[in-house]
């Protein structure tokens, strides 16, 4: 058996420590680069999801409005899946009316069952914030966007449909 001198033992341990330190630094840099790369992808995914939901909900709200005459003031998105007031669906049979033979009342559901699968998840944008419906004047559906704050000074990231 060969005896190692003190300097040889320290050299070997020093190399092992240096190798371990370099491996840890490389791993940390790799994780940081991966995290930076996936951040924009996640943001784009949330925006695409919101765009898809927003277009679909806007169309559904338009159908609801055509049947009811106007959107309900309170929680209009709930009316897309349920006859909240129990009005039911009927056809206008008044021949003197401008809406003769049109459906009236709640004739839904106005969104596909795919959108309803997760209770009220259809009412949330990609960032988990509830869509807002502004029924005054022209109907507007609003997503608060990435900052999750609707309107105000930071409304430039809000998505309007």
Foldseek 3Di string as FASTA:
>chain_A
DDDDDPVVVVVVVVVVVVVVVVVVVVVVVVVVVVVVVCVVVLQVVLVVQQVVLQVLQVVLLVVQCVQAVFADPPPSVVLLQDLVVPFDKDAACPPVDPRHRHIHGRPDNSHDVVLPVPPCCSQAGSCGAGWDWDRPDDIKIKQQADVRDDDDPPNPRIDID
